[in-house]
Amino acid sequence: MHSVSLRETATNLVRRPVNGIVITASGRSIPQPPWIIPDDPATTAAYDQWLIDQSRIEAVDTGEEWMICRLAGLDAGFMDPSLRHLLSDFLFGLPEPEFEARHRTGSSPEE
C-alpha cells in the first residue's frame, strides 16, 4: 500500500486524498471515497458501501470485535445517518469527515 503521512492528508479536519489514498484515524492507508453527487442516490449508496467495506477492514485489522459484529450482514441499502456517523467516527475520528475534492490520477468527480 502507498506510504502517505497523516500530516499530508489531514488539515483543519479535512481529509486530503493523496494519489487516491486517505488515512484513517488508526493510520491505515485506504482508497479515497467515491464522489457523492447531489440528487444521485446511486452515488450515496456507493459511498455508503465504501464506508461499510472500509470499516469492516479496519475492524478486522484493529481487532475491534464489537464493530465486526455490528457490521455483520450490513449493506448500503440499510444505512441511516446515525450508522453513517458511527462508521465515519470509527474510521476517521469524526462523525462527518470532509474530504478535499481532489481527483485520483486519471479520474474525475463524474466517474
PDB file of N, CA and C in Angstrom:
ATOM      1  N   MET A   1       0.850  -1.173   0.000  1.00  0.00           N
ATOM      2  CA  MET A   1       0.000   0.000   0.000  1.00  0.00           C
ATOM      3  C   MET A   1       0.895   1.235   0.000  1.00  0.00           C
ATOM      4  N   HIS A   2       0.406   2.356  -0.437  1.00  0.00           N
ATOM      5  CA  HIS A   2       1.153   3.603  -0.502  1.00  0.00           C
ATOM      6  C   HIS A   2       1.497   4.093   0.893  1.00  0.00           C
ATOM      7  N   SER A   3       2.637   4.748   1.008  1.00  0.00           N
ATOM      8  CA  SER A   3       3.031   5.362   2.266  1.00  0.00           C
ATOM      9  C   SER A   3       2.734   6.854   2.183  1.00  0.00           C
ATOM     10  N   VAL A   4       1.739   7.294   2.945  1.00  0.00           N
ATOM     11  CA  VAL A   4       1.323   8.693   2.950  1.00  0.00           C
ATOM     12  C   VAL A   4       1.277   9.138   4.396  1.00  0.00           C
ATOM     13  N   SER A   5       1.860  10.286   4.698  1.00  0.00           N
ATOM     14  CA  SER A   5       1.865  10.739   6.081  1.00  0.00           C
ATOM     15  C   SER A   5       0.529  11.381   6.435  1.00  0.00           C
ATOM     16  N   LEU A   6       0.166  11.270   7.704  1.00  0.00           N
ATOM     17  CA  LEU A   6      -1.075  11.871   8.184  1.00  0.00           C
ATOM     18  C   LEU A   6      -1.042  13.378   7.995  1.00  0.00           C
ATOM     19  N   ARG A   7       0.121  13.988   8.174  1.00  0.00           N
ATOM     20  CA  ARG A   7       0.245  15.434   8.004  1.00  0.00           C
ATOM     21  C   ARG A   7      -0.126  15.868   6.588  1.00  0.00           C
ATOM     22  N   GLU A   8       0.168  15.032   5.599  1.00  0.00           N
ATOM     23  CA  GLU A   8      -0.171  15.347   4.216  1.00  0.00           C
ATOM     24  C   GLU A   8      -1.672  15.260   3.952  1.00  0.00           C
ATOM     25  N   THR A   9      -2.369  14.481   4.749  1.00  0.00           N
ATOM     26  CA  THR A   9      -3.747  14.157   4.417  1.00  0.00           C
ATOM     27  C   THR A   9      -4.799  14.810   5.280  1.00  0.00           C
ATOM     28  N   ALA A  10      -4.447  15.392   6.423  1.00  0.00           N
ATOM     29  CA  ALA A  10      -5.458  15.980   7.306  1.00  0.00           C
ATOM     30  C   ALA A  10      -5.071  17.402   7.677  1.00  0.00           C
ATOM     31  N   THR A  11      -5.864  18.354   7.274  1.00  0.00           N
ATOM     32  CA  THR A  11      -5.658  19.738   7.666  1.00  0.00           C
ATOM     33  C   THR A  11      -7.015  20.310   8.035  1.00  0.00           C
ATOM     34  N   ASN A  12      -7.083  20.922   9.203  1.00  0.00           N
ATOM     35  CA  ASN A  12      -8.347  21.514   9.660  1.00  0.00           C
ATOM     36  C   ASN A  12      -9.510  20.528   9.564  1.00  0.00           C
ATOM     37  N   LEU A  13      -9.247  19.292   9.918  1.00  0.00           N
ATOM     38  CA  LEU A  13     -10.243  18.222   9.944  1.00  0.00           C
ATOM     39  C   LEU A  13     -10.764  17.843   8.564  1.00  0.00           C
ATOM     40  N   VAL A  14     -10.111  18.288   7.510  1.00  0.00           N
ATOM     41  CA  VAL A  14     -10.491  17.897   6.155  1.00  0.00           C
ATOM     42  C   VAL A  14      -9.489  16.862   5.684  1.00  0.00           C
ATOM     43  N   ARG A  15      -9.983  15.738   5.224  1.00  0.00           N
ATOM     44  CA  ARG A  15      -9.111  14.689   4.719  1.00  0.00           C
ATOM     45  C   ARG A  15      -8.716  15.029   3.297  1.00  0.00           C
ATOM     46  N   ARG A  16      -7.430  15.043   3.057  1.00  0.00           N
ATOM     47  CA  ARG A  16      -6.911  15.394   1.739  1.00  0.00           C
ATOM     48  C   ARG A  16      -6.378  14.135   1.064  1.00  0.00           C
ATOM     49  N   PRO A  17      -7.065  13.641   0.051  1.00  0.00           N
ATOM     50  CA  PRO A  17      -6.535  12.473  -0.660  1.00  0.00           C
ATOM     51  C   PRO A  17      -5.205  12.801  -1.338  1.00  0.00           C
ATOM     52  N   VAL A  18      -4.278  11.875  -1.247  1.00  0.00           N
ATOM     53  CA  VAL A  18      -3.003  11.979  -1.942  1.00  0.00           C
ATOM     54  C   VAL A  18      -2.880  10.728  -2.797  1.00  0.00           C
ATOM     55  N   ASN A  19      -2.823  10.925  -4.098  1.00  0.00           N
ATOM     56  CA  ASN A  19      -2.746   9.802  -5.039  1.00  0.00           C
ATOM     57  C   ASN A  19      -3.879   8.800  -4.822  1.00  0.00           C
ATOM     58  N   GLY A  20      -5.080   9.319  -4.526  1.00  0.00           N
ATOM     59  CA  GLY A  20      -6.250   8.452  -4.365  1.00  0.00           C
ATOM     60  C   GLY A  20      -6.330   7.735  -3.029  1.00  0.00           C
ATOM     61  N   ILE A  21      -5.512   8.150  -2.061  1.00  0.00           N
ATOM     62  CA  ILE A  21      -5.441   7.485  -0.758  1.00  0.00           C
ATOM     63  C   ILE A  21      -5.754   8.494   0.345  1.00  0.00           C
ATOM     64  N   VAL A  22      -6.513   8.045   1.374  1.00  0.00           N
ATOM     65  CA  VAL A  22      -6.714   8.827   2.596  1.00  0.00           C
ATOM     66  C   VAL A  22      -6.249   7.966   3.768  1.00  0.00           C
ATOM     67  N   ILE A  23      -6.021   8.605   4.903  1.00  0.00           N
ATOM     68  CA  ILE A  23      -5.508   7.921   6.086  1.00  0.00           C
ATOM     69  C   ILE A  23      -6.610   7.850   7.144  1.00  0.00           C
ATOM     70  N   THR A  24      -6.770   6.671   7.742  1.00  0.00           N
ATOM     71  CA  THR A  24      -7.749   6.500   8.811  1.00  0.00           C
ATOM     72  C   THR A  24      -7.161   7.003  10.127  1.00  0.00           C
ATOM     73  N   ALA A  25      -7.999   7.071  11.149  1.00  0.00           N
ATOM     74  CA  ALA A  25      -7.550   7.500  12.471  1.00  0.00           C
ATOM     75  C   ALA A  25      -6.480   6.561  13.026  1.00  0.00           C
ATOM     76  N   SER A  26      -6.515   5.292  12.631  1.00  0.00           N
ATOM     77  CA  SER A  26      -5.515   4.334  13.111  1.00  0.00           C
ATOM     78  C   SER A  26      -4.219   4.393  12.298  1.00  0.00           C
ATOM     79  N   GLY A  27      -4.218   5.195  11.224  1.00  0.00           N
ATOM     80  CA  GLY A  27      -3.019   5.334  10.411  1.00  0.00           C
ATOM     81  C   GLY A  27      -2.978   4.467   9.167  1.00  0.00           C
ATOM     82  N   ARG A  28      -4.070   3.745   8.888  1.00  0.00           N
ATOM     83  CA  ARG A  28      -4.114   2.910   7.687  1.00  0.00           C
ATOM     84  C   ARG A  28      -4.346   3.763   6.448  1.00  0.00           C
ATOM     85  N   SER A  29      -3.733   3.357   5.346  1.00  0.00           N
ATOM     86  CA  SER A  29      -3.968   3.989   4.045  1.00  0.00           C
ATOM     87  C   SER A  29      -5.100   3.243   3.363  1.00  0.00           C
ATOM     88  N   ILE A  30      -6.143   3.983   2.955  1.00  0.00           N
ATOM     89  CA  ILE A  30      -7.281   3.359   2.272  1.00  0.00           C
ATOM     90  C   ILE A  30      -7.616   4.180   1.029  1.00  0.00           C
ATOM     91  N   PRO A  31      -8.334   3.577   0.073  1.00  0.00           N
ATOM     92  CA  PRO A  31      -8.738   4.342  -1.110  1.00  0.00           C
ATOM     93  C   PRO A  31      -9.660   5.492  -0.716  1.00  0.00           C
ATOM     94  N   GLN A  32      -9.503   6.626  -1.396  1.00  0.00           N
ATOM     95  CA  GLN A  32     -10.397   7.744  -1.114  1.00  0.00           C
ATOM     96  C   GLN A  32     -11.828   7.334  -1.440  1.00  0.00           C
ATOM     97  N   PRO A  33     -12.806   7.965  -0.780  1.00  0.00           N
ATOM     98  CA  PRO A  33     -14.203   7.585  -1.015  1.00  0.00           C
ATOM     99  C   PRO A  33     -14.666   7.995  -2.409  1.00  0.00           C
ATOM    100  N   PRO A  34     -15.691   7.306  -2.886  1.00  0.00           N
ATOM    101  CA  PRO A  34     -16.283   7.727  -4.162  1.00  0.00           C
ATOM    102  C   PRO A  34     -16.997   9.063  -3.983  1.00  0.00           C
ATOM    103  N   TRP A  35     -17.146   9.764  -5.074  1.00  0.00           N
ATOM    104  CA  TRP A  35     -17.835  11.052  -5.058  1.00  0.00           C
ATOM    105  C   TRP A  35     -19.320  10.871  -4.773  1.00  0.00           C
ATOM    106  N   ILE A  36     -19.894  11.796  -4.018  1.00  0.00           N
ATOM    107  CA  ILE A  36     -21.341  11.849  -3.838  1.00  0.00           C
ATOM    108  C   ILE A  36     -21.828  13.026  -4.671  1.00  0.00           C
ATOM    109  N   ILE A  37     -22.714  12.743  -5.592  1.00  0.00           N
ATOM    110  CA  ILE A  37     -23.282  13.776  -6.452  1.00  0.00           C
ATOM    111  C   ILE A  37     -24.702  14.050  -5.974  1.00  0.00           C
ATOM    112  N   PRO A  38     -25.003  15.308  -5.625  1.00  0.00           N
ATOM    113  CA  PRO A  38     -26.359  15.636  -5.160  1.00  0.00           C
ATOM    114  C   PRO A  38     -27.414  15.153  -6.158  1.00  0.00           C
ATOM    115  N   ASP A  39     -28.521  14.703  -5.627  1.00  0.00           N
ATOM    116  CA  ASP A  39     -29.657  14.222  -6.427  1.00  0.00           C
ATOM    117  C   ASP A  39     -29.348  12.956  -7.217  1.00  0.00           C
ATOM    118  N   ASP A  40     -28.295  12.235  -6.826  1.00  0.00           N
ATOM    119  CA  ASP A  40     -27.983  10.951  -7.465  1.00  0.00           C
ATOM    120  C   ASP A  40     -27.822   9.915  -6.359  1.00  0.00           C
ATOM    121  N   PRO A  41     -28.928   9.231  -5.989  1.00  0.00           N
ATOM    122  CA  PRO A  41     -28.891   8.285  -4.879  1.00  0.00           C
ATOM    123  C   PRO A  41     -27.876   7.154  -5.076  1.00  0.00           C
ATOM    124  N   ALA A  42     -27.573   6.814  -6.309  1.00  0.00           N
ATOM    125  CA  ALA A  42     -26.603   5.747  -6.559  1.00  0.00           C
ATOM    126  C   ALA A  42     -25.216   6.123  -6.041  1.00  0.00           C
ATOM    127  N   THR A  43     -24.875   7.420  -6.109  1.00  0.00           N
ATOM    128  CA  THR A  43     -23.559   7.829  -5.624  1.00  0.00           C
ATOM    129  C   THR A  43     -23.508   7.797  -4.100  1.00  0.00           C
ATOM    130  N   THR A  44     -24.621   8.095  -3.452  1.00  0.00           N
ATOM    131  CA  THR A  44     -24.672   7.994  -1.992  1.00  0.00           C
ATOM    132  C   THR A  44     -24.571   6.535  -1.572  1.00  0.00           C
ATOM    133  N   ALA A  45     -25.243   5.652  -2.288  1.00  0.00           N
ATOM    134  CA  ALA A  45     -25.157   4.218  -1.991  1.00  0.00           C
ATOM    135  C   ALA A  45     -23.731   3.712  -2.182  1.00  0.00           C
ATOM    136  N   ALA A  46     -23.047   4.190  -3.211  1.00  0.00           N
ATOM    137  CA  ALA A  46     -21.652   3.774  -3.444  1.00  0.00           C
ATOM    138  C   ALA A  46     -20.765   4.256  -2.297  1.00  0.00           C
ATOM    139  N   TYR A  47     -20.982   5.481  -1.826  1.00  0.00           N
ATOM    140  CA  TYR A  47     -20.221   5.995  -0.690  1.00  0.00           C
ATOM    141  C   TYR A  47     -20.511   5.166   0.557  1.00  0.00           C
ATOM    142  N   ASP A  48     -21.777   4.887   0.811  1.00  0.00           N
ATOM    143  CA  ASP A  48     -22.148   4.093   1.983  1.00  0.00           C
ATOM    144  C   ASP A  48     -21.512   2.710   1.940  1.00  0.00           C
ATOM    145  N   GLN A  49     -21.496   2.075   0.768  1.00  0.00           N
ATOM    146  CA  GLN A  49     -20.880   0.753   0.655  1.00  0.00           C
ATOM    147  C   GLN A  49     -19.376   0.850   0.889  1.00  0.00           C
ATOM    148  N   TRP A  50     -18.744   1.900   0.381  1.00  0.00           N
ATOM    149  CA  TRP A  50     -17.318   2.126   0.630  1.00  0.00           C
ATOM    150  C   TRP A  50     -17.078   2.256   2.137  1.00  0.00           C
ATOM    151  N   LEU A  51     -17.931   3.012   2.822  1.00  0.00           N
ATOM    152  CA  LEU A  51     -17.801   3.226   4.256  1.00  0.00           C
ATOM    153  C   LEU A  51     -17.927   1.904   5.018  1.00  0.00           C
ATOM    154  N   ILE A  52     -18.881   1.093   4.644  1.00  0.00           N
ATOM    155  CA  ILE A  52     -19.065  -0.222   5.276  1.00  0.00           C
ATOM    156  C   ILE A  52     -17.856  -1.113   5.011  1.00  0.00           C
ATOM    157  N   ASP A  53     -17.442  -1.193   3.757  1.00  0.00           N
ATOM    158  CA  ASP A  53     -16.312  -2.065   3.393  1.00  0.00           C
ATOM    159  C   ASP A  53     -15.039  -1.652   4.114  1.00  0.00           C
ATOM    160  N   GLN A  54     -14.750  -0.347   4.124  1.00  0.00           N
ATOM    161  CA  GLN A  54     -13.537   0.122   4.786  1.00  0.00           C
ATOM    162  C   GLN A  54     -13.616  -0.066   6.300  1.00  0.00           C
ATOM    163  N   SER A  55     -14.803   0.092   6.872  1.00  0.00           N
ATOM    164  CA  SER A  55     -14.975  -0.129   8.312  1.00  0.00           C
ATOM    165  C   SER A  55     -14.769  -1.592   8.664  1.00  0.00           C
ATOM    166  N   ARG A  56     -15.237  -2.503   7.815  1.00  0.00           N
ATOM    167  CA  ARG A  56     -15.007  -3.939   8.050  1.00  0.00           C
ATOM    168  C   ARG A  56     -13.519  -4.253   8.067  1.00  0.00           C
ATOM    169  N   ILE A  57     -12.805  -3.748   7.084  1.00  0.00           N
ATOM    170  CA  ILE A  57     -11.364  -3.999   7.007  1.00  0.00           C
ATOM    171  C   ILE A  57     -10.665  -3.405   8.226  1.00  0.00           C
ATOM    172  N   GLU A  58     -11.037  -2.190   8.580  1.00  0.00           N
ATOM    173  CA  GLU A  58     -10.456  -1.513   9.753  1.00  0.00           C
ATOM    174  C   GLU A  58     -10.722  -2.320  11.018  1.00  0.00           C
ATOM    175  N   ALA A  59     -11.947  -2.797  11.183  1.00  0.00           N
ATOM    176  CA  ALA A  59     -12.314  -3.554  12.384  1.00  0.00           C
ATOM    177  C   ALA A  59     -11.502  -4.841  12.493  1.00  0.00           C
ATOM    178  N   VAL A  60     -11.331  -5.529  11.397  1.00  0.00           N
ATOM    179  CA  VAL A  60     -10.530  -6.757  11.405  1.00  0.00           C
ATOM    180  C   VAL A  60      -9.066  -6.431  11.701  1.00  0.00           C
ATOM    181  N   ASP A  61      -8.522  -5.423  11.028  1.00  0.00           N
ATOM    182  CA  ASP A  61      -7.115  -5.055  11.214  1.00  0.00           C
ATOM    183  C   ASP A  61      -6.808  -4.575  12.624  1.00  0.00           C
ATOM    184  N   THR A  62      -7.771  -3.924  13.265  1.00  0.00           N
ATOM    185  CA  THR A  62      -7.544  -3.391  14.611  1.00  0.00           C
ATOM    186  C   THR A  62      -8.097  -4.297  15.709  1.00  0.00           C
ATOM    187  N   GLY A  63      -8.723  -5.422  15.319  1.00  0.00           N
ATOM    188  CA  GLY A  63      -9.243  -6.370  16.298  1.00  0.00           C
ATOM    189  C   GLY A  63     -10.452  -5.871  17.070  1.00  0.00           C
ATOM    190  N   GLU A  64     -11.232  -5.002  16.474  1.00  0.00           N
ATOM    191  CA  GLU A  64     -12.419  -4.435  17.126  1.00  0.00           C
ATOM    192  C   GLU A  64     -13.612  -5.369  16.916  1.00  0.00           C
ATOM    193  N   GLU A  65     -13.731  -6.353  17.781  1.00  0.00           N
ATOM    194  CA  GLU A  65     -14.775  -7.373  17.649  1.00  0.00           C
ATOM    195  C   GLU A  65     -16.179  -6.774  17.678  1.00  0.00           C
ATOM    196  N   TRP A  66     -16.394  -5.750  18.503  1.00  0.00           N
ATOM    197  CA  TRP A  66     -17.720  -5.135  18.586  1.00  0.00           C
ATOM    198  C   TRP A  66     -18.137  -4.571  17.236  1.00  0.00           C
ATOM    199  N   MET A  67     -17.185  -3.981  16.495  1.00  0.00           N
ATOM    200  CA  MET A  67     -17.513  -3.410  15.191  1.00  0.00           C
ATOM    201  C   MET A  67     -17.694  -4.518  14.152  1.00  0.00           C
ATOM    202  N   ILE A  68     -16.896  -5.552  14.242  1.00  0.00           N
ATOM    203  CA  ILE A  68     -17.061  -6.683  13.327  1.00  0.00           C
ATOM    204  C   ILE A  68     -18.482  -7.233  13.455  1.00  0.00           C
ATOM    205  N   CYS A  69     -18.947  -7.389  14.693  1.00  0.00           N
ATOM    206  CA  CYS A  69     -20.313  -7.883  14.925  1.00  0.00           C
ATOM    207  C   CYS A  69     -21.353  -6.883  14.420  1.00  0.00           C
ATOM    208  N   ARG A  70     -21.116  -5.609  14.638  1.00  0.00           N
ATOM    209  CA  ARG A  70     -22.067  -4.559  14.208  1.00  0.00           C
ATOM    210  C   ARG A  70     -22.226  -4.544  12.695  1.00  0.00           C
ATOM    211  N   LEU A  71     -21.153  -4.845  11.986  1.00  0.00           N
ATOM    212  CA  LEU A  71     -21.149  -4.790  10.524  1.00  0.00           C
ATOM    213  C   LEU A  71     -21.585  -6.091   9.854  1.00  0.00           C
ATOM    214  N   ALA A  72     -21.727  -7.144  10.624  1.00  0.00           N
ATOM    215  CA  ALA A  72     -22.089  -8.444  10.047  1.00  0.00           C
ATOM    216  C   ALA A  72     -23.400  -8.344   9.276  1.00  0.00           C
ATOM    217  N   GLY A  73     -23.347  -8.677   8.007  1.00  0.00           N
ATOM    218  CA  GLY A  73     -24.543  -8.703   7.170  1.00  0.00           C
ATOM    219  C   GLY A  73     -25.062  -7.347   6.734  1.00  0.00           C
ATOM    220  N   LEU A  74     -24.403  -6.271   7.101  1.00  0.00           N
ATOM    221  CA  LEU A  74     -24.861  -4.925   6.757  1.00  0.00           C
ATOM    222  C   LEU A  74     -24.512  -4.592   5.316  1.00  0.00           C
ATOM    223  N   ASP A  75     -25.442  -3.929   4.615  1.00  0.00           N
ATOM    224  CA  ASP A  75     -25.119  -3.402   3.288  1.00  0.00           C
ATOM    225  C   ASP A  75     -25.663  -1.984   3.173  1.00  0.00           C
ATOM    226  N   ALA A  76     -25.240  -1.307   2.125  1.00  0.00           N
ATOM    227  CA  ALA A  76     -25.537   0.120   1.965  1.00  0.00           C
ATOM    228  C   ALA A  76     -27.031   0.430   1.900  1.00  0.00           C
ATOM    229  N   GLY A  77     -27.846  -0.519   1.505  1.00  0.00           N
ATOM    230  CA  GLY A  77     -29.274  -0.282   1.409  1.00  0.00           C
ATOM    231  C   GLY A  77     -29.942  -0.024   2.746  1.00  0.00           C
ATOM    232  N   PHE A  78     -29.242  -0.320   3.839  1.00  0.00           N
ATOM    233  CA  PHE A  78     -29.825  -0.157   5.168  1.00  0.00           C
ATOM    234  C   PHE A  78     -29.110   0.906   5.997  1.00  0.00           C
ATOM    235  N   MET A  79     -28.363   1.772   5.342  1.00  0.00           N
ATOM    236  CA  MET A  79     -27.611   2.815   6.042  1.00  0.00           C
ATOM    237  C   MET A  79     -28.539   3.956   6.425  1.00  0.00           C
ATOM    238  N   ASP A  80     -28.380   4.436   7.660  1.00  0.00           N
ATOM    239  CA  ASP A  80     -29.102   5.633   8.094  1.00  0.00           C
ATOM    240  C   ASP A  80     -28.062   6.627   8.627  1.00  0.00           C
ATOM    241  N   PRO A  81     -28.466   7.874   8.866  1.00  0.00           N
ATOM    242  CA  PRO A  81     -27.478   8.879   9.295  1.00  0.00           C
ATOM    243  C   PRO A  81     -26.714   8.497  10.558  1.00  0.00           C
ATOM    244  N   SER A  82     -27.374   7.891  11.533  1.00  0.00           N
ATOM    245  CA  SER A  82     -26.663   7.557  12.772  1.00  0.00           C
ATOM    246  C   SER A  82     -25.600   6.490  12.533  1.00  0.00           C
ATOM    247  N   LEU A  83     -25.888   5.516  11.686  1.00  0.00           N
ATOM    248  CA  LEU A  83     -24.897   4.493  11.373  1.00  0.00           C
ATOM    249  C   LEU A  83     -23.765   5.081  10.532  1.00  0.00           C
ATOM    250  N   ARG A  84     -24.097   5.955   9.602  1.00  0.00           N
ATOM    251  CA  ARG A  84     -23.068   6.627   8.802  1.00  0.00           C
ATOM    252  C   ARG A  84     -22.122   7.408   9.725  1.00  0.00           C
ATOM    253  N   HIS A  85     -22.680   8.111  10.727  1.00  0.00           N
ATOM    254  CA  HIS A  85     -21.849   8.861  11.679  1.00  0.00           C
ATOM    255  C   HIS A  85     -20.968   7.919  12.494  1.00  0.00           C
ATOM    256  N   LEU A  86     -21.538   6.798  12.953  1.00  0.00           N
ATOM    257  CA  LEU A  86     -20.778   5.829  13.734  1.00  0.00           C
ATOM    258  C   LEU A  86     -19.587   5.303  12.933  1.00  0.00           C
ATOM    259  N   LEU A  87     -19.835   4.900  11.691  1.00  0.00           N
ATOM    260  CA  LEU A  87     -18.754   4.333  10.874  1.00  0.00           C
ATOM    261  C   LEU A  87     -17.716   5.390  10.518  1.00  0.00           C
ATOM    262  N   SER A  88     -18.150   6.615  10.248  1.00  0.00           N
ATOM    263  CA  SER A  88     -17.203   7.693   9.956  1.00  0.00           C
ATOM    264  C   SER A  88     -16.343   7.998  11.176  1.00  0.00           C
ATOM    265  N   ASP A  89     -16.969   8.021  12.342  1.00  0.00           N
ATOM    266  CA  ASP A  89     -16.231   8.267  13.579  1.00  0.00           C
ATOM    267  C   ASP A  89     -15.239   7.133  13.837  1.00  0.00           C
ATOM    268  N   PHE A  90     -15.659   5.910  13.581  1.00  0.00           N
ATOM    269  CA  PHE A  90     -14.784   4.750  13.757  1.00  0.00           C
ATOM    270  C   PHE A  90     -13.569   4.855  12.832  1.00  0.00           C
ATOM    271  N   LEU A  91     -13.783   5.200  11.579  1.00  0.00           N
ATOM    272  CA  LEU A  91     -12.685   5.264  10.613  1.00  0.00           C
ATOM    273  C   LEU A  91     -11.809   6.501  10.778  1.00  0.00           C
ATOM    274  N   PHE A  92     -12.423   7.657  11.015  1.00  0.00           N
ATOM    275  CA  PHE A  92     -11.679   8.914  10.950  1.00  0.00           C
ATOM    276  C   PHE A  92     -11.655   9.723  12.239  1.00  0.00           C
ATOM    277  N   GLY A  93     -12.400   9.283  13.261  1.00  0.00           N
ATOM    278  CA  GLY A  93     -12.454  10.054  14.487  1.00  0.00           C
ATOM    279  C   GLY A  93     -13.343  11.277  14.366  1.00  0.00           C
ATOM    280  N   LEU A  94     -14.150  11.294  13.319  1.00  0.00           N
ATOM    281  CA  LEU A  94     -15.075  12.401  13.057  1.00  0.00           C
ATOM    282  C   LEU A  94     -16.388  11.822  12.542  1.00  0.00           C
ATOM    283  N   PRO A  95     -17.525  12.245  13.102  1.00  0.00           N
ATOM    284  CA  PRO A  95     -18.795  11.703  12.618  1.00  0.00           C
ATOM    285  C   PRO A  95     -19.173  12.181  11.218  1.00  0.00           C
ATOM    286  N   GLU A  96     -18.639  13.324  10.809  1.00  0.00           N
ATOM    287  CA  GLU A  96     -18.929  13.844   9.469  1.00  0.00           C
ATOM    288  C   GLU A  96     -17.640  14.369   8.837  1.00  0.00           C
ATOM    289  N   PRO A  97     -16.739  13.464   8.449  1.00  0.00           N
ATOM    290  CA  PRO A  97     -15.481  13.946   7.866  1.00  0.00           C
ATOM    291  C   PRO A  97     -15.719  14.634   6.532  1.00  0.00           C
ATOM    292  N   GLU A  98     -14.864  15.585   6.245  1.00  0.00           N
ATOM    293  CA  GLU A  98     -14.917  16.262   4.950  1.00  0.00           C
ATOM    294  C   GLU A  98     -13.687  15.832   4.165  1.00  0.00           C
ATOM    295  N   PHE A  99     -13.880  15.623   2.874  1.00  0.00           N
ATOM    296  CA  PHE A  99     -12.791  15.220   2.000  1.00  0.00           C
ATOM    297  C   PHE A  99     -12.562  16.304   0.966  1.00  0.00           C
ATOM    298  N   GLU A 100     -11.328  16.690   0.833  1.00  0.00           N
ATOM    299  CA  GLU A 100     -10.984  17.671  -0.181  1.00  0.00           C
ATOM    300  C   GLU A 100     -11.284  17.077  -1.559  1.00  0.00           C
ATOM    301  N   ALA A 101     -11.818  17.894  -2.433  1.00  0.00           N
ATOM    302  CA  ALA A 101     -12.172  17.433  -3.784  1.00  0.00           C
ATOM    303  C   ALA A 101     -10.923  17.381  -4.639  1.00  0.00           C
ATOM    304  N   ARG A 102     -10.260  16.253  -4.576  1.00  0.00           N
ATOM    305  CA  ARG A 102      -9.079  16.018  -5.405  1.00  0.00           C
ATOM    306  C   ARG A 102      -9.359  14.837  -6.300  1.00  0.00           C
ATOM    307  N   HIS A 103      -8.880  14.920  -7.496  1.00  0.00           N
ATOM    308  CA  HIS A 103      -9.046  13.831  -8.446  1.00  0.00           C
ATOM    309  C   HIS A 103      -8.007  12.756  -8.195  1.00  0.00           C
ATOM    310  N   ARG A 104      -8.434  11.521  -8.373  1.00  0.00           N
ATOM    311  CA  ARG A 104      -7.459  10.445  -8.475  1.00  0.00           C
ATOM    312  C   ARG A 104      -6.779  10.648  -9.805  1.00  0.00           C
ATOM    313  N   THR A 105      -5.606  10.152  -9.939  1.00  0.00           N
ATOM    314  CA  THR A 105      -4.913  10.269 -11.217  1.00  0.00           C
ATOM    315  C   THR A 105      -5.762   9.631 -12.295  1.00  0.00           C
ATOM    316  N   GLY A 106      -6.124  10.430 -13.307  1.00  0.00           N
ATOM    317  CA  GLY A 106      -6.906   9.909 -14.419  1.00  0.00           C
ATOM    318  C   GLY A 106      -8.386   9.772 -14.163  1.00  0.00           C
ATOM    319  N   SER A 107      -8.914  10.399 -13.108  1.00  0.00           N
ATOM    320  CA  SER A 107     -10.353  10.299 -12.868  1.00  0.00           C
ATOM    321  C   SER A 107     -10.943  11.675 -12.630  1.00  0.00           C
ATOM    322  N   SER A 108     -12.275  11.708 -12.599  1.00  0.00           N
ATOM    323  CA  SER A 108     -12.963  12.977 -12.374  1.00  0.00           C
ATOM    324  C   SER A 108     -14.145  12.731 -11.456  1.00  0.00           C
ATOM    325  N   PRO A 109     -14.747  13.791 -10.898  1.00  0.00           N
ATOM    326  CA  PRO A 109     -15.892  13.596  -9.997  1.00  0.00           C
ATOM    327  C   PRO A 109     -17.050  12.880 -10.667  1.00  0.00           C
ATOM    328  N   GLU A 110     -17.124  12.946 -11.965  1.00  0.00           N
ATOM    329  CA  GLU A 110     -18.238  12.319 -12.669  1.00  0.00           C
ATOM    330  C   GLU A 110     -18.072  10.816 -12.785  1.00  0.00           C
ATOM    331  N   GLU A 111     -16.848  10.295 -12.544  1.00  0.00           N
ATOM    332  CA  GLU A 111     -16.607   8.857 -12.708  1.00  0.00           C
ATOM    333  C   GLU A 111     -17.035   8.096 -11.483  1.00  0.00           C
TER     334      GLU A 111
END
